[in-house]
Amino acid sequence: MRILKEGYPYVTENGNFILDTSCDFLSDISRQEVELKNIAGVVEVGLFTKHANAYYKAKEDGSFETIENP
C-alpha cells in the first residue's frame, strides 16, 4: 500500500487506496490486465495495453505536434 511520509495510507480523491507492485516479467500483459481487473475491489491497473491512434506533443511555442501511431 502506498504510504505517505506522515505514515498513513495515500487516499485518492475518490477515496481509493493505491497498492504499488512490481513484476519482473509478464508474458501476456493483456491477459494479466483482465485478471487483475476481475479481482473484487480493483478499480484500475497501471498496465497500459491499449494505445491511441494519435498523440499530441506540446511544443515550447504553445503549438502541438501530432504523432500518428504506426
Protein backbone atom coordinates (compact mmCIF):
# COMPACT_ATOMS: atom_id res chain seq x y z
CA MET A 1 0.00 0.00 0.00
CA ARG A 2 1.31 3.44 -0.86
CA ILE A 3 2.11 5.23 2.38
CA LEU A 4 2.67 8.96 2.78
CA LYS A 5 5.73 10.28 4.61
CA GLU A 6 3.43 11.04 7.57
CA GLY A 7 2.87 7.28 7.92
CA TYR A 8 -0.74 6.90 6.79
CA PRO A 9 -2.10 5.47 3.52
CA TYR A 10 -2.41 7.61 0.43
CA VAL A 11 -6.10 8.02 -0.42
CA THR A 12 -7.18 9.21 -3.89
CA GLU A 13 -9.77 11.93 -4.44
CA ASN A 14 -12.32 9.14 -4.94
CA GLY A 15 -11.46 7.53 -1.60
CA ASN A 16 -9.45 4.66 -3.07
CA PHE A 17 -6.15 3.24 -1.85
CA ILE A 18 -3.18 2.59 -4.13
CA LEU A 19 -1.30 -0.70 -4.00
CA ASP A 20 2.12 -0.43 -5.65
CA THR A 21 3.51 -3.69 -7.01
CA SER A 22 6.23 -4.76 -9.38
CA CYS A 23 6.63 -7.66 -11.77
CA ASP A 24 9.86 -8.88 -13.28
CA PHE A 25 8.22 -10.27 -16.40
CA LEU A 26 4.70 -10.61 -17.73
CA SER A 27 4.28 -12.98 -20.67
CA ASP A 28 0.77 -11.81 -21.60
CA ILE A 29 0.12 -8.28 -20.33
CA SER A 30 -3.38 -8.04 -21.83
CA ARG A 31 -4.48 -11.23 -20.05
CA GLN A 32 -2.85 -10.08 -16.79
CA GLU A 33 -4.71 -6.76 -17.01
CA VAL A 34 -8.07 -8.57 -17.37
CA GLU A 35 -7.27 -10.92 -14.48
CA LEU A 36 -6.31 -8.05 -12.18
CA LYS A 37 -9.42 -6.03 -13.06
CA ASN A 38 -11.59 -9.07 -12.27
CA ILE A 39 -10.43 -9.04 -8.65
CA ALA A 40 -13.17 -7.59 -6.44
CA GLY A 41 -12.27 -4.07 -5.34
CA VAL A 42 -9.73 -3.40 -8.08
CA VAL A 43 -10.74 -0.17 -9.80
CA GLU A 44 -7.89 0.29 -12.26
CA VAL A 45 -4.42 -1.05 -13.00
CA GLY A 46 -1.32 0.66 -14.35
CA LEU A 47 -0.87 -1.68 -17.30
CA PHE A 48 -1.44 0.37 -20.42
CA THR A 49 -2.30 -2.19 -23.08
CA LYS A 50 -4.46 -0.01 -25.32
CA HIS A 51 -2.86 2.71 -27.39
CA ALA A 52 -4.31 5.81 -29.02
CA ASN A 53 -4.30 6.31 -32.79
CA ALA A 54 -2.57 9.67 -32.34
CA TYR A 55 -0.66 11.53 -29.65
CA TYR A 56 -0.21 15.26 -29.22
CA LYS A 57 3.10 16.69 -28.11
CA ALA A 58 3.15 20.26 -26.77
CA LYS A 59 5.91 22.49 -28.12
CA GLU A 60 7.62 25.36 -26.33
CA ASP A 61 5.93 27.91 -28.59
CA GLY A 62 2.47 26.74 -27.48
CA SER A 63 1.68 24.75 -30.62
CA PHE A 64 1.19 20.99 -30.79
CA GLU A 65 2.75 18.27 -32.87
CA THR A 66 0.58 15.32 -33.88
CA ILE A 67 2.30 11.94 -33.68
CA GLU A 68 0.44 9.17 -35.53
CA ASN A 69 0.57 5.69 -34.01
CA PRO A 70 2.17 3.30 -36.54
